[in-house]
Amino acid sequence: MENYYDATAANYNELHGEEQLKKFDVIKQNVADPGKVLDVGCGTGLSDVLGWDVIGIDPARELLKQASFPVVEGTADALPFADKSFDCVICVTAFHHFPNALLEMKRVSRKYVIVSLLKKANEFEKHVELIRKNLTVQKEIDVGVDLVFVAVR
């Protein structure tokens, strides 16, 4: 995973940016004033378009170099933050890489956990079941290639 993203870092926004920005727009329309936000799998920092107080985490160093907000190099399955450190945790089109990290995302969130799940991901239905079992899903929004879950812990 890391090698692909580091290798494509220079062109990441060109390859995936437009699609990702649509998902961030849907998220912004469905969550008002989220407070302090952690973007898990933040990549190049496209979540900056939200205009929120965001900190990002991603294992791909070359992607992180492009982010315009504070970032941490790290993995989702061992988030280096204290319990309930953030009001909201978002994870846009990265969850299928680390579904076992859902409880970590829930642990560091005080309120919201928002997950965008790629529909063509391996074990998509299993991931959906995991989200529904571990979070209180308020909305499921179909955004074409992804399903966005707006949930509370």
Protein backbone atom coordinates (compact mmCIF):
# COMPACT_ATOMS: atom_id res chain seq x y z
CA MET A 1 0.00 0.00 0.00
CA GLU A 2 2.61 2.56 1.04
CA ASN A 3 4.83 1.90 -1.97
CA TYR A 4 2.02 2.48 -4.48
CA TYR A 5 1.03 5.75 -2.82
CA ASP A 6 4.58 6.98 -2.45
CA ALA A 7 5.25 6.06 -6.09
CA THR A 8 2.15 7.90 -7.34
CA ALA A 9 2.40 10.86 -4.95
CA ALA A 10 3.36 13.39 -7.62
CA ASN A 11 0.24 12.57 -9.63
CA TYR A 12 -2.14 11.53 -6.85
CA ASN A 13 -4.36 14.62 -6.97
CA GLU A 14 -4.56 14.42 -10.75
CA LEU A 15 -5.52 10.73 -10.59
CA HIS A 16 -7.95 10.82 -7.66
CA GLY A 17 -8.49 14.43 -6.62
CA GLU A 18 -11.75 15.25 -8.39
CA GLU A 19 -13.47 12.13 -7.08
CA GLN A 20 -12.17 12.66 -3.55
CA LEU A 21 -13.31 16.30 -3.52
CA LYS A 22 -16.89 15.17 -4.29
CA LYS A 23 -16.80 12.95 -1.18
CA PHE A 24 -15.52 15.80 0.98
CA ASP A 25 -18.35 17.97 -0.32
CA VAL A 26 -20.90 15.31 0.73
CA ILE A 27 -19.26 15.06 4.15
CA LYS A 28 -19.33 18.84 4.65
CA GLN A 29 -23.02 18.94 3.68
CA ASN A 30 -23.84 16.33 6.33
CA VAL A 31 -21.73 17.36 9.31
CA ALA A 32 -21.95 20.86 10.73
CA ASP A 33 -19.21 22.29 12.93
CA PRO A 34 -17.35 19.04 13.65
CA GLY A 35 -14.67 20.62 15.87
CA LYS A 36 -11.19 19.08 15.88
CA VAL A 37 -10.87 16.51 13.07
CA LEU A 38 -8.50 13.62 12.41
CA ASP A 39 -8.22 12.56 8.77
CA VAL A 40 -7.09 8.91 8.74
CA GLY A 41 -5.38 8.10 5.46
CA CYS A 42 -5.18 11.81 4.67
CA GLY A 43 -2.89 11.37 1.67
CA THR A 44 -2.07 14.74 0.11
CA GLY A 45 -4.38 16.62 2.44
CA LEU A 46 -7.35 17.15 0.16
CA SER A 47 -9.58 17.36 3.25
CA ASP A 48 -8.24 20.90 3.62
CA VAL A 49 -11.14 21.93 1.33
CA LEU A 50 -13.47 21.29 4.26
CA GLY A 51 -12.16 24.39 5.99
CA TRP A 52 -12.10 22.51 9.29
CA ASP A 53 -9.43 22.16 11.99
CA VAL A 54 -7.78 19.02 10.55
CA ILE A 55 -4.80 16.90 11.53
CA GLY A 56 -3.90 14.07 9.18
CA ILE A 57 -2.23 10.70 9.48
CA ASP A 58 -0.95 8.52 6.65
CA PRO A 59 1.90 6.02 6.21
CA ALA A 60 2.91 7.43 2.79
CA ARG A 61 5.60 10.03 3.42
CA GLU A 62 5.58 11.34 -0.16
CA LEU A 63 1.85 12.07 0.01
CA LEU A 64 2.16 13.79 3.38
CA LYS A 65 4.71 16.24 1.95
CA GLN A 66 1.87 17.82 -0.06
CA ALA A 67 -0.52 18.42 2.86
CA SER A 68 -1.09 21.99 3.99
CA PHE A 69 -2.17 21.11 7.55
CA PRO A 70 -0.38 19.30 10.40
CA VAL A 71 0.29 15.63 9.63
CA VAL A 72 1.72 12.57 11.32
CA GLU A 73 3.39 9.70 9.52
CA GLY A 74 1.75 6.60 10.92
CA THR A 75 -0.76 3.83 10.49
CA ALA A 76 -4.45 3.63 11.24
CA ASP A 77 -4.20 0.44 13.28
CA ALA A 78 -2.07 2.14 15.95
CA LEU A 79 -3.19 5.77 16.11
CA PRO A 80 -0.70 7.73 18.23
CA PHE A 81 -3.37 9.80 19.96
CA ALA A 82 -5.09 9.60 23.34
CA ASP A 83 -8.67 8.38 23.71
CA LYS A 84 -11.27 10.94 22.57
CA SER A 85 -8.60 13.33 21.22
CA PHE A 86 -10.79 14.45 18.31
CA ASP A 87 -14.40 15.51 17.92
CA CYS A 88 -14.57 13.85 14.52
CA VAL A 89 -12.56 11.20 12.66
CA ILE A 90 -12.86 10.94 8.89
CA CYS A 91 -11.50 8.25 6.61
CA VAL A 92 -12.13 8.80 2.91
CA THR A 93 -11.63 5.88 0.50
CA ALA A 94 -8.89 4.32 2.62
CA PHE A 95 -10.82 2.15 5.08
CA HIS A 96 -10.66 -0.96 2.88
CA HIS A 97 -6.87 -0.97 3.43
CA PHE A 98 -7.22 -1.23 7.22
CA PRO A 99 -10.73 -2.25 8.36
CA ASN A 100 -9.33 -3.58 11.64
CA ALA A 101 -8.55 0.03 12.56
CA LEU A 102 -12.22 0.95 12.98
CA LEU A 103 -12.04 0.52 16.74
CA GLU A 104 -8.93 2.74 16.81
CA MET A 105 -10.83 5.45 14.94
CA LYS A 106 -13.73 5.09 17.34
CA ARG A 107 -11.35 5.21 20.32
CA VAL A 108 -9.86 8.60 19.38
CA SER A 109 -13.23 10.17 18.48
CA ARG A 110 -15.47 12.00 20.92
CA LYS A 111 -18.46 12.07 18.59
CA TYR A 112 -18.33 11.46 14.82
CA VAL A 113 -16.70 8.75 12.76
CA ILE A 114 -17.19 9.25 9.03
CA VAL A 115 -16.05 6.50 6.69
CA SER A 116 -16.12 6.47 2.91
CA LEU A 117 -15.96 2.88 1.69
CA LEU A 118 -15.01 1.93 -1.86
CA LYS A 119 -17.83 -0.23 -3.26
CA LYS A 120 -15.48 -2.37 -5.33
CA ALA A 121 -13.25 -3.12 -2.32
CA ASN A 122 -12.58 -6.74 -1.48
CA GLU A 123 -14.97 -7.87 1.25
CA PHE A 124 -17.15 -4.75 0.84
CA GLU A 125 -20.16 -6.34 2.56
CA LYS A 126 -18.01 -7.52 5.46
CA HIS A 127 -16.69 -3.96 5.92
CA VAL A 128 -20.22 -2.54 5.83
CA GLU A 129 -21.29 -5.02 8.50
CA LEU A 130 -18.30 -4.07 10.66
CA ILE A 131 -19.17 -0.36 10.44
CA ARG A 132 -22.84 -0.95 11.23
CA LYS A 133 -21.99 -3.24 14.16
CA ASN A 134 -19.46 -0.90 15.81
CA LEU A 135 -20.89 2.55 15.14
CA THR A 136 -24.28 4.21 15.32
CA VAL A 137 -24.79 5.04 11.66
CA GLN A 138 -26.94 8.13 11.17
CA LYS A 139 -26.70 8.28 7.37
CA GLU A 140 -25.47 6.13 4.51
CA ILE A 141 -24.90 8.21 1.39
CA ASP A 142 -24.24 6.71 -2.02
CA VAL A 143 -21.65 8.80 -3.86
CA GLY A 144 -21.15 6.61 -6.88
CA VAL A 145 -18.02 4.56 -6.34
CA ASP A 146 -18.17 4.92 -2.55
CA LEU A 147 -20.69 4.62 0.25
CA VAL A 148 -20.26 7.29 2.94
CA PHE A 149 -21.23 6.41 6.50
CA VAL A 150 -21.91 9.32 8.84
CA ALA A 151 -21.87 7.81 12.31
CA VAL A 152 -21.45 8.59 15.96
CA ARG A 153 -19.37 6.51 18.27
